[in-house]
PDB file of all heavy atoms in Angstrom:
ATOM      1  N   PRO A   1      13.020  16.868   5.191  1.00  0.00           N
ATOM      2  CA  PRO A   1      13.137  16.776   3.729  1.00  0.00           C
ATOM      3  C   PRO A   1      11.778  16.544   3.070  1.00  0.00           C
ATOM      4  O   PRO A   1      10.793  16.228   3.744  1.00  0.00           O
ATOM      5  CB  PRO A   1      14.055  15.571   3.530  1.00  0.00           C
ATOM      6  CG  PRO A   1      13.876  14.745   4.752  1.00  0.00           C
ATOM      7  CD  PRO A   1      13.600  15.726   5.876  1.00  0.00           C
ATOM      8  N   LEU A   2      11.748  16.676   1.760  1.00  0.00           N
ATOM      9  CA  LEU A   2      10.518  16.417   1.014  1.00  0.00           C
ATOM     10  C   LEU A   2      10.078  14.964   1.207  1.00  0.00           C
ATOM     11  O   LEU A   2      10.917  14.060   1.256  1.00  0.00           O
ATOM     12  CB  LEU A   2      10.733  16.665  -0.479  1.00  0.00           C
ATOM     13  CG  LEU A   2      10.922  18.116  -0.898  1.00  0.00           C
ATOM     14  CD1 LEU A   2      11.296  18.190  -2.370  1.00  0.00           C
ATOM     15  CD2 LEU A   2       9.668  18.912  -0.638  1.00  0.00           C
ATOM     16  N   PRO A   3       8.788  14.718   1.333  1.00  0.00           N
ATOM     17  CA  PRO A   3       8.317  13.333   1.483  1.00  0.00           C
ATOM     18  C   PRO A   3       8.454  12.564   0.175  1.00  0.00           C
ATOM     19  O   PRO A   3       8.442  13.148  -0.908  1.00  0.00           O
ATOM     20  CB  PRO A   3       6.844  13.502   1.860  1.00  0.00           C
ATOM     21  CG  PRO A   3       6.469  14.835   1.336  1.00  0.00           C
ATOM     22  CD  PRO A   3       7.705  15.688   1.380  1.00  0.00           C
ATOM     23  N   VAL A   4       8.583  11.254   0.306  1.00  0.00           N
ATOM     24  CA  VAL A   4       8.650  10.393  -0.875  1.00  0.00           C
ATOM     25  C   VAL A   4       7.251  10.321  -1.476  1.00  0.00           C
ATOM     26  O   VAL A   4       6.280  10.025  -0.771  1.00  0.00           O
ATOM     27  CB  VAL A   4       9.134   8.983  -0.483  1.00  0.00           C
ATOM     28  CG1 VAL A   4       9.145   8.068  -1.691  1.00  0.00           C
ATOM     29  CG2 VAL A   4      10.507   9.068   0.158  1.00  0.00           C
ATOM     30  N   PRO A   5       7.104  10.619  -2.780  1.00  0.00           N
ATOM     31  CA  PRO A   5       5.755  10.585  -3.367  1.00  0.00           C
ATOM     32  C   PRO A   5       5.203   9.165  -3.454  1.00  0.00           C
ATOM     33  O   PRO A   5       5.948   8.202  -3.619  1.00  0.00           O
ATOM     34  CB  PRO A   5       5.960  11.171  -4.763  1.00  0.00           C
ATOM     35  CG  PRO A   5       7.405  11.068  -5.046  1.00  0.00           C
ATOM     36  CD  PRO A   5       8.116  11.028  -3.719  1.00  0.00           C
ATOM     37  N   ILE A   6       3.904   9.037  -3.318  1.00  0.00           N
ATOM     38  CA  ILE A   6       3.230   7.745  -3.464  1.00  0.00           C
ATOM     39  C   ILE A   6       2.751   7.651  -4.907  1.00  0.00           C
ATOM     40  O   ILE A   6       1.916   8.432  -5.344  1.00  0.00           O
ATOM     41  CB  ILE A   6       2.045   7.633  -2.491  1.00  0.00           C
ATOM     42  CG1 ILE A   6       2.534   7.722  -1.055  1.00  0.00           C
ATOM     43  CG2 ILE A   6       1.279   6.341  -2.721  1.00  0.00           C
ATOM     44  CD1 ILE A   6       1.427   7.785  -0.032  1.00  0.00           C
ATOM     45  N   THR A   7       3.290   6.690  -5.632  1.00  0.00           N
ATOM     46  CA  THR A   7       2.942   6.553  -7.048  1.00  0.00           C
ATOM     47  C   THR A   7       2.134   5.296  -7.349  1.00  0.00           C
ATOM     48  O   THR A   7       1.526   5.193  -8.395  1.00  0.00           O
ATOM     49  CB  THR A   7       4.218   6.542  -7.910  1.00  0.00           C
ATOM     50  OG1 THR A   7       5.069   5.484  -7.465  1.00  0.00           O
ATOM     51  CG2 THR A   7       4.955   7.863  -7.797  1.00  0.00           C
ATOM     52  N   ASP A   8       2.130   4.344  -6.429  1.00  0.00           N
ATOM     53  CA  ASP A   8       1.401   3.093  -6.622  1.00  0.00           C
ATOM     54  C   ASP A   8      -0.066   3.295  -6.231  1.00  0.00           C
ATOM     55  O   ASP A   8      -0.373   3.562  -5.070  1.00  0.00           O
ATOM     56  CB  ASP A   8       2.027   1.999  -5.766  1.00  0.00           C
ATOM     57  CG  ASP A   8       1.303   0.675  -5.872  1.00  0.00           C
ATOM     58  OD1 ASP A   8       0.564   0.460  -6.859  1.00  0.00           O
ATOM     59  OD2 ASP A   8       1.482  -0.158  -4.962  1.00  0.00           O
ATOM     60  N   PRO A   9      -1.013   3.158  -7.178  1.00  0.00           N
ATOM     61  CA  PRO A   9      -2.431   3.347  -6.846  1.00  0.00           C
ATOM     62  C   PRO A   9      -2.932   2.405  -5.754  1.00  0.00           C
ATOM     63  O   PRO A   9      -3.788   2.772  -4.956  1.00  0.00           O
ATOM     64  CB  PRO A   9      -3.158   3.082  -8.166  1.00  0.00           C
ATOM     65  CG  PRO A   9      -2.131   3.262  -9.214  1.00  0.00           C
ATOM     66  CD  PRO A   9      -0.820   2.906  -8.590  1.00  0.00           C
ATOM     67  N   GLN A  10      -2.396   1.186  -5.669  1.00  0.00           N
ATOM     68  CA  GLN A  10      -2.815   0.247  -4.634  1.00  0.00           C
ATOM     69  C   GLN A  10      -2.407   0.739  -3.244  1.00  0.00           C
ATOM     70  O   GLN A  10      -3.116   0.539  -2.280  1.00  0.00           O
ATOM     71  CB  GLN A  10      -2.216  -1.136  -4.896  1.00  0.00           C
ATOM     72  CG  GLN A  10      -2.746  -1.793  -6.138  1.00  0.00           C
ATOM     73  CD  GLN A  10      -4.258  -1.986  -6.055  1.00  0.00           C
ATOM     74  OE1 GLN A  10      -4.774  -2.395  -5.023  1.00  0.00           O
ATOM     75  NE2 GLN A  10      -4.960  -1.683  -7.127  1.00  0.00           N
ATOM     76  N   GLN A  11      -1.263   1.375  -3.168  1.00  0.00           N
ATOM     77  CA  GLN A  11      -0.806   1.895  -1.880  1.00  0.00           C
ATOM     78  C   GLN A  11      -1.697   3.050  -1.421  1.00  0.00           C
ATOM     79  O   GLN A  11      -1.961   3.198  -0.231  1.00  0.00           O
ATOM     80  CB  GLN A  11       0.649   2.361  -1.988  1.00  0.00           C
ATOM     81  CG  GLN A  11       1.236   2.776  -0.659  1.00  0.00           C
ATOM     82  CD  GLN A  11       2.670   3.229  -0.780  1.00  0.00           C
ATOM     83  OE1 GLN A  11       3.217   3.334  -1.866  1.00  0.00           O
ATOM     84  NE2 GLN A  11       3.280   3.510   0.343  1.00  0.00           N
ATOM     85  N   ILE A  12      -2.187   3.850  -2.330  1.00  0.00           N
ATOM     86  CA  ILE A  12      -3.047   4.975  -1.980  1.00  0.00           C
ATOM     87  C   ILE A  12      -4.358   4.480  -1.368  1.00  0.00           C
ATOM     88  O   ILE A  12      -4.869   5.058  -0.422  1.00  0.00           O
ATOM     89  CB  ILE A  12      -3.303   5.867  -3.209  1.00  0.00           C
ATOM     90  CG1 ILE A  12      -1.998   6.562  -3.602  1.00  0.00           C
ATOM     91  CG2 ILE A  12      -4.386   6.896  -2.931  1.00  0.00           C
ATOM     92  CD1 ILE A  12      -2.082   7.342  -4.890  1.00  0.00           C
ATOM     93  N   THR A  13      -4.891   3.388  -1.865  1.00  0.00           N
ATOM     94  CA  THR A  13      -6.152   2.872  -1.333  1.00  0.00           C
ATOM     95  C   THR A  13      -5.988   2.224   0.035  1.00  0.00           C
ATOM     96  O   THR A  13      -6.963   2.016   0.737  1.00  0.00           O
ATOM     97  CB  THR A  13      -6.789   1.855  -2.294  1.00  0.00           C
ATOM     98  OG1 THR A  13      -5.898   0.760  -2.469  1.00  0.00           O
ATOM     99  CG2 THR A  13      -7.118   2.496  -3.626  1.00  0.00           C
ATOM    100  N   ARG A  14      -4.738   1.906   0.433  1.00  0.00           N
ATOM    101  CA  ARG A  14      -4.491   1.257   1.721  1.00  0.00           C
ATOM    102  C   ARG A  14      -3.875   2.204   2.754  1.00  0.00           C
ATOM    103  O   ARG A  14      -3.261   1.760   3.709  1.00  0.00           O
ATOM    104  CB  ARG A  14      -3.550   0.068   1.526  1.00  0.00           C
ATOM    105  CG  ARG A  14      -4.129  -1.051   0.702  1.00  0.00           C
ATOM    106  CD  ARG A  14      -3.182  -2.248   0.689  1.00  0.00           C
ATOM    107  NE  ARG A  14      -1.801  -1.898   0.431  1.00  0.00           N
ATOM    108  CZ  ARG A  14      -1.211  -1.934  -0.769  1.00  0.00           C
ATOM    109  NH1 ARG A  14      -1.892  -2.291  -1.824  1.00  0.00           N
ATOM    110  NH2 ARG A  14       0.055  -1.620  -0.898  1.00  0.00           N
ATOM    111  N   LEU A  15      -4.031   3.491   2.591  1.00  0.00           N
ATOM    112  CA  LEU A  15      -3.446   4.433   3.540  1.00  0.00           C
ATOM    113  C   LEU A  15      -4.123   4.314   4.900  1.00  0.00           C
ATOM    114  O   LEU A  15      -5.333   4.212   5.000  1.00  0.00           O
ATOM    115  CB  LEU A  15      -3.591   5.871   3.025  1.00  0.00           C
ATOM    116  CG  LEU A  15      -2.763   6.239   1.808  1.00  0.00           C
ATOM    117  CD1 LEU A  15      -3.038   7.680   1.428  1.00  0.00           C
ATOM    118  CD2 LEU A  15      -1.284   6.032   2.067  1.00  0.00           C
ATOM    119  N   ASP A  16      -3.324   4.306   5.937  1.00  0.00           N
ATOM    120  CA  ASP A  16      -3.825   4.269   7.306  1.00  0.00           C
ATOM    121  C   ASP A  16      -3.295   5.518   8.001  1.00  0.00           C
ATOM    122  O   ASP A  16      -2.118   5.611   8.318  1.00  0.00           O
ATOM    123  CB  ASP A  16      -3.336   3.003   8.011  1.00  0.00           C
ATOM    124  CG  ASP A  16      -3.947   2.847   9.393  1.00  0.00           C
ATOM    125  OD1 ASP A  16      -4.906   3.584   9.723  1.00  0.00           O
ATOM    126  OD2 ASP A  16      -3.456   1.994  10.147  1.00  0.00           O
ATOM    127  N   ILE A  17      -4.151   6.489   8.188  1.00  0.00           N
ATOM    128  CA  ILE A  17      -3.762   7.777   8.736  1.00  0.00           C
ATOM    129  C   ILE A  17      -4.139   7.833  10.219  1.00  0.00           C
ATOM    130  O   ILE A  17      -5.245   7.454  10.599  1.00  0.00           O
ATOM    131  CB  ILE A  17      -4.452   8.940   7.987  1.00  0.00           C
ATOM    132  CG1 ILE A  17      -4.201   8.829   6.477  1.00  0.00           C
ATOM    133  CG2 ILE A  17      -4.009  10.280   8.532  1.00  0.00           C
ATOM    134  CD1 ILE A  17      -2.767   8.971   6.067  1.00  0.00           C
ATOM    135  N   ARG A  18      -3.210   8.305  11.045  1.00  0.00           N
ATOM    136  CA  ARG A  18      -3.456   8.473  12.472  1.00  0.00           C
ATOM    137  C   ARG A  18      -3.449   9.960  12.808  1.00  0.00           C
ATOM    138  O   ARG A  18      -2.635  10.708  12.286  1.00  0.00           O
ATOM    139  CB  ARG A  18      -2.380   7.774  13.303  1.00  0.00           C
ATOM    140  CG  ARG A  18      -2.272   6.296  13.028  1.00  0.00           C
ATOM    141  CD  ARG A  18      -3.525   5.566  13.532  1.00  0.00           C
ATOM    142  NE  ARG A  18      -3.620   4.231  13.002  1.00  0.00           N
ATOM    143  CZ  ARG A  18      -3.194   3.154  13.620  1.00  0.00           C
ATOM    144  NH1 ARG A  18      -2.617   3.240  14.787  1.00  0.00           N
ATOM    145  NH2 ARG A  18      -3.340   1.980  13.061  1.00  0.00           N
ATOM    146  N   ARG A  19      -4.361  10.372  13.686  1.00  0.00           N
ATOM    147  CA  ARG A  19      -4.450  11.768  14.107  1.00  0.00           C
ATOM    148  C   ARG A  19      -4.067  11.888  15.576  1.00  0.00           C
ATOM    149  O   ARG A  19      -4.478  11.082  16.398  1.00  0.00           O
ATOM    150  CB  ARG A  19      -5.858  12.303  13.917  1.00  0.00           C
ATOM    151  CG  ARG A  19      -5.965  13.786  14.265  1.00  0.00           C
ATOM    152  CD  ARG A  19      -7.340  14.280  14.032  1.00  0.00           C
ATOM    153  NE  ARG A  19      -8.085  14.161  15.285  1.00  0.00           N
ATOM    154  CZ  ARG A  19      -9.277  14.681  15.473  1.00  0.00           C
ATOM    155  NH1 ARG A  19      -9.885  15.318  14.512  1.00  0.00           N
ATOM    156  NH2 ARG A  19      -9.886  14.539  16.630  1.00  0.00           N
ATOM    157  N   ARG A  20      -3.287  12.905  15.888  1.00  0.00           N
ATOM    158  CA  ARG A  20      -2.897  13.194  17.264  1.00  0.00           C
ATOM    159  C   ARG A  20      -3.245  14.646  17.558  1.00  0.00           C
ATOM    160  O   ARG A  20      -2.902  15.538  16.784  1.00  0.00           O
ATOM    161  CB  ARG A  20      -1.401  12.983  17.435  1.00  0.00           C
ATOM    162  CG  ARG A  20      -0.884  13.328  18.803  1.00  0.00           C
ATOM    163  CD  ARG A  20       0.610  13.072  18.896  1.00  0.00           C
ATOM    164  NE  ARG A  20       1.122  13.807  20.026  1.00  0.00           N
ATOM    165  CZ  ARG A  20       2.312  14.345  20.086  1.00  0.00           C
ATOM    166  NH1 ARG A  20       3.137  14.223  19.068  1.00  0.00           N
ATOM    167  NH2 ARG A  20       2.701  15.000  21.151  1.00  0.00           N
ATOM    168  N   GLU A  21      -3.947  14.866  18.647  1.00  0.00           N
ATOM    169  CA  GLU A  21      -4.309  16.224  19.016  1.00  0.00           C
ATOM    170  C   GLU A  21      -3.148  16.876  19.753  1.00  0.00           C
ATOM    171  O   GLU A  21      -2.477  16.236  20.559  1.00  0.00           O
ATOM    172  CB  GLU A  21      -5.550  16.240  19.894  1.00  0.00           C
ATOM    173  CG  GLU A  21      -6.788  15.833  19.134  1.00  0.00           C
ATOM    174  CD  GLU A  21      -8.046  16.001  19.955  1.00  0.00           C
ATOM    175  OE1 GLU A  21      -7.965  16.299  21.164  1.00  0.00           O
ATOM    176  OE2 GLU A  21      -9.119  15.838  19.373  1.00  0.00           O
ATOM    177  N   ARG A  22      -2.902  18.135  19.452  1.00  0.00           N
ATOM    178  CA  ARG A  22      -1.865  18.916  20.120  1.00  0.00           C
ATOM    179  C   ARG A  22      -2.512  20.113  20.780  1.00  0.00           C
ATOM    180  O   ARG A  22      -3.469  20.668  20.260  1.00  0.00           O
ATOM    181  CB  ARG A  22      -0.825  19.417  19.110  1.00  0.00           C
ATOM    182  CG  ARG A  22      -0.135  18.369  18.267  1.00  0.00           C
ATOM    183  CD  ARG A  22       0.950  17.613  18.991  1.00  0.00           C
ATOM    184  NE  ARG A  22       2.015  18.435  19.467  1.00  0.00           N
ATOM    185  CZ  ARG A  22       3.210  18.551  18.896  1.00  0.00           C
ATOM    186  NH1 ARG A  22       3.458  17.888  17.801  1.00  0.00           N
ATOM    187  NH2 ARG A  22       4.126  19.305  19.433  1.00  0.00           N
ATOM    188  N   LEU A  23      -1.997  20.518  21.889  1.00  0.00           N
ATOM    189  CA  LEU A  23      -2.436  21.699  22.624  1.00  0.00           C
ATOM    190  C   LEU A  23      -3.936  21.654  22.900  1.00  0.00           C
ATOM    191  O   LEU A  23      -4.679  22.571  22.601  1.00  0.00           O
ATOM    192  CB  LEU A  23      -2.035  22.974  21.881  1.00  0.00           C
ATOM    193  CG  LEU A  23      -1.979  24.252  22.710  1.00  0.00           C
ATOM    194  CD1 LEU A  23      -1.045  24.092  23.888  1.00  0.00           C
ATOM    195  CD2 LEU A  23      -1.569  25.421  21.867  1.00  0.00           C
ATOM    196  N   GLY A  24      -4.372  20.523  23.442  1.00  0.00           N
ATOM    197  CA  GLY A  24      -5.766  20.389  23.829  1.00  0.00           C
ATOM    198  C   GLY A  24      -6.744  20.331  22.671  1.00  0.00           C
ATOM    199  O   GLY A  24      -7.913  20.651  22.828  1.00  0.00           O
ATOM    200  N   GLY A  25      -6.286  19.925  21.499  1.00  0.00           N
ATOM    201  CA  GLY A  25      -7.175  19.800  20.350  1.00  0.00           C
ATOM    202  C   GLY A  25      -7.212  21.013  19.440  1.00  0.00           C
ATOM    203  O   GLY A  25      -7.945  21.028  18.459  1.00  0.00           O
ATOM    204  N   ILE A  26      -6.414  22.040  19.745  1.00  0.00           N
ATOM    205  CA  ILE A  26      -6.379  23.221  18.874  1.00  0.00           C
ATOM    206  C   ILE A  26      -5.689  22.883  17.559  1.00  0.00           C
ATOM    207  O   ILE A  26      -6.096  23.321  16.496  1.00  0.00           O
ATOM    208  CB  ILE A  26      -5.672  24.400  19.581  1.00  0.00           C
ATOM    209  CG1 ILE A  26      -6.510  24.847  20.773  1.00  0.00           C
ATOM    210  CG2 ILE A  26      -5.439  25.553  18.619  1.00  0.00           C
ATOM    211  CD1 ILE A  26      -5.862  25.914  21.620  1.00  0.00           C
ATOM    212  N   PHE A  27      -4.627  22.063  17.628  1.00  0.00           N
ATOM    213  CA  PHE A  27      -3.912  21.633  16.441  1.00  0.00           C
ATOM    214  C   PHE A  27      -4.091  20.135  16.306  1.00  0.00           C
ATOM    215  O   PHE A  27      -4.218  19.416  17.292  1.00  0.00           O
ATOM    216  CB  PHE A  27      -2.406  21.938  16.561  1.00  0.00           C
ATOM    217  CG  PHE A  27      -2.097  23.357  16.862  1.00  0.00           C
ATOM    218  CD1 PHE A  27      -1.496  23.718  18.039  1.00  0.00           C
ATOM    219  CD2 PHE A  27      -2.427  24.354  15.960  1.00  0.00           C
ATOM    220  CE1 PHE A  27      -1.192  25.040  18.321  1.00  0.00           C
ATOM    221  CE2 PHE A  27      -2.143  25.671  16.247  1.00  0.00           C
ATOM    222  CZ  PHE A  27      -1.518  26.015  17.416  1.00  0.00           C
ATOM    223  N   HIS A  28      -4.062  19.651  15.079  1.00  0.00           N
ATOM    224  CA  HIS A  28      -4.143  18.219  14.802  1.00  0.00           C
ATOM    225  C   HIS A  28      -2.950  17.828  13.955  1.00  0.00           C
ATOM    226  O   HIS A  28      -2.636  18.485  12.977  1.00  0.00           O
ATOM    227  CB  HIS A  28      -5.436  17.877  14.078  1.00  0.00           C
ATOM    228  CG  HIS A  28      -6.658  18.273  14.837  1.00  0.00           C
ATOM    229  ND1 HIS A  28      -7.113  17.585  15.941  1.00  0.00           N
ATOM    230  CD2 HIS A  28      -7.505  19.318  14.675  1.00  0.00           C
ATOM    231  CE1 HIS A  28      -8.177  18.170  16.414  1.00  0.00           C
ATOM    232  NE2 HIS A  28      -8.446  19.235  15.670  1.00  0.00           N
ATOM    233  N   GLU A  29      -2.314  16.743  14.345  1.00  0.00           N
ATOM    234  CA  GLU A  29      -1.137  16.239  13.647  1.00  0.00           C
ATOM    235  C   GLU A  29      -1.535  14.920  12.991  1.00  0.00           C
ATOM    236  O   GLU A  29      -2.105  14.059  13.647  1.00  0.00           O
ATOM    237  CB  GLU A  29      -0.049  16.050  14.692  1.00  0.00           C
ATOM    238  CG  GLU A  29       1.190  15.391  14.219  1.00  0.00           C
ATOM    239  CD  GLU A  29       2.143  15.214  15.395  1.00  0.00           C
ATOM    240  OE1 GLU A  29       2.269  16.133  16.222  1.00  0.00           O
ATOM    241  OE2 GLU A  29       2.727  14.132  15.487  1.00  0.00           O
ATOM    242  N   TYR A  30      -1.268  14.761  11.717  1.00  0.00           N
ATOM    243  CA  TYR A  30      -1.630  13.544  10.989  1.00  0.00           C
ATOM    244  C   TYR A  30      -0.366  12.880  10.488  1.00  0.00           C
ATOM    245  O   TYR A  30       0.569  13.550  10.050  1.00  0.00           O
ATOM    246  CB  TYR A  30      -2.528  13.882   9.793  1.00  0.00           C
ATOM    247  CG  TYR A  30      -3.835  14.519  10.191  1.00  0.00           C
ATOM    248  CD1 TYR A  30      -3.956  15.897  10.304  1.00  0.00           C
ATOM    249  CD2 TYR A  30      -4.939  13.729  10.463  1.00  0.00           C
ATOM    250  CE1 TYR A  30      -5.149  16.477  10.670  1.00  0.00           C
ATOM    251  CE2 TYR A  30      -6.148  14.306  10.831  1.00  0.00           C
ATOM    252  CZ  TYR A  30      -6.239  15.682  10.932  1.00  0.00           C
ATOM    253  OH  TYR A  30      -7.419  16.244  11.304  1.00  0.00           O
ATOM    254  N   GLN A  31      -0.351  11.544  10.536  1.00  0.00           N
ATOM    255  CA  GLN A  31       0.784  10.821   9.969  1.00  0.00           C
ATOM    256  C   GLN A  31       0.323   9.435   9.537  1.00  0.00           C
ATOM    257  O   GLN A  31      -0.684   8.928   9.996  1.00  0.00           O
ATOM    258  CB  GLN A  31       1.933  10.721  10.957  1.00  0.00           C
ATOM    259  CG  GLN A  31       1.626   9.928  12.204  1.00  0.00           C
ATOM    260  CD  GLN A  31       2.767   9.999  13.195  1.00  0.00           C
ATOM    261  OE1 GLN A  31       3.404  11.024  13.346  1.00  0.00           O
ATOM    262  NE2 GLN A  31       3.005   8.914  13.880  1.00  0.00           N
ATOM    263  N   HIS A  32       1.112   8.851   8.642  1.00  0.00           N
ATOM    264  CA  HIS A  32       0.837   7.493   8.182  1.00  0.00           C
ATOM    265  C   HIS A  32       1.183   6.523   9.294  1.00  0.00           C
ATOM    266  O   HIS A  32       2.230   6.636   9.917  1.00  0.00           O
ATOM    267  CB  HIS A  32       1.653   7.146   6.945  1.00  0.00           C
ATOM    268  CG  HIS A  32       1.297   7.950   5.754  1.00  0.00           C
ATOM    269  ND1 HIS A  32       0.179   7.685   4.994  1.00  0.00           N
ATOM    270  CD2 HIS A  32       1.871   9.014   5.188  1.00  0.00           C
ATOM    271  CE1 HIS A  32       0.103   8.545   4.010  1.00  0.00           C
ATOM    272  NE2 HIS A  32       1.114   9.370   4.112  1.00  0.00           N
ATOM    273  N   ALA A  33       0.312   5.581   9.569  1.00  0.00           N
ATOM    274  CA  ALA A  33       0.607   4.527  10.546  1.00  0.00           C
ATOM    275  C   ALA A  33       1.569   3.550   9.887  1.00  0.00           C
ATOM    276  O   ALA A  33       1.442   3.214   8.718  1.00  0.00           O
ATOM    277  CB  ALA A  33      -0.663   3.824  10.966  1.00  0.00           C
ATOM    278  N   VAL A  34       2.534   3.089  10.639  1.00  0.00           N
ATOM    279  CA  VAL A  34       3.535   2.187  10.085  1.00  0.00           C
ATOM    280  C   VAL A  34       3.210   0.769  10.444  1.00  0.00           C
ATOM    281  O   VAL A  34       2.617   0.438  11.388  1.00  0.00           O
ATOM    282  CB  VAL A  34       4.951   2.542  10.607  1.00  0.00           C
ATOM    283  CG1 VAL A  34       5.974   1.635  10.008  1.00  0.00           C
ATOM    284  CG2 VAL A  34       5.252   3.985  10.294  1.00  0.00           C
TER     285      VAL A  34
END
């Protein structure tokens, strides 16, 4: 489904993004750390 939009400016400044390599680094997957 569509992601929930981030509307709080304070939440945007505290984003913690994690990257995972797929297929030996050809693709990169990003997600918010919980």
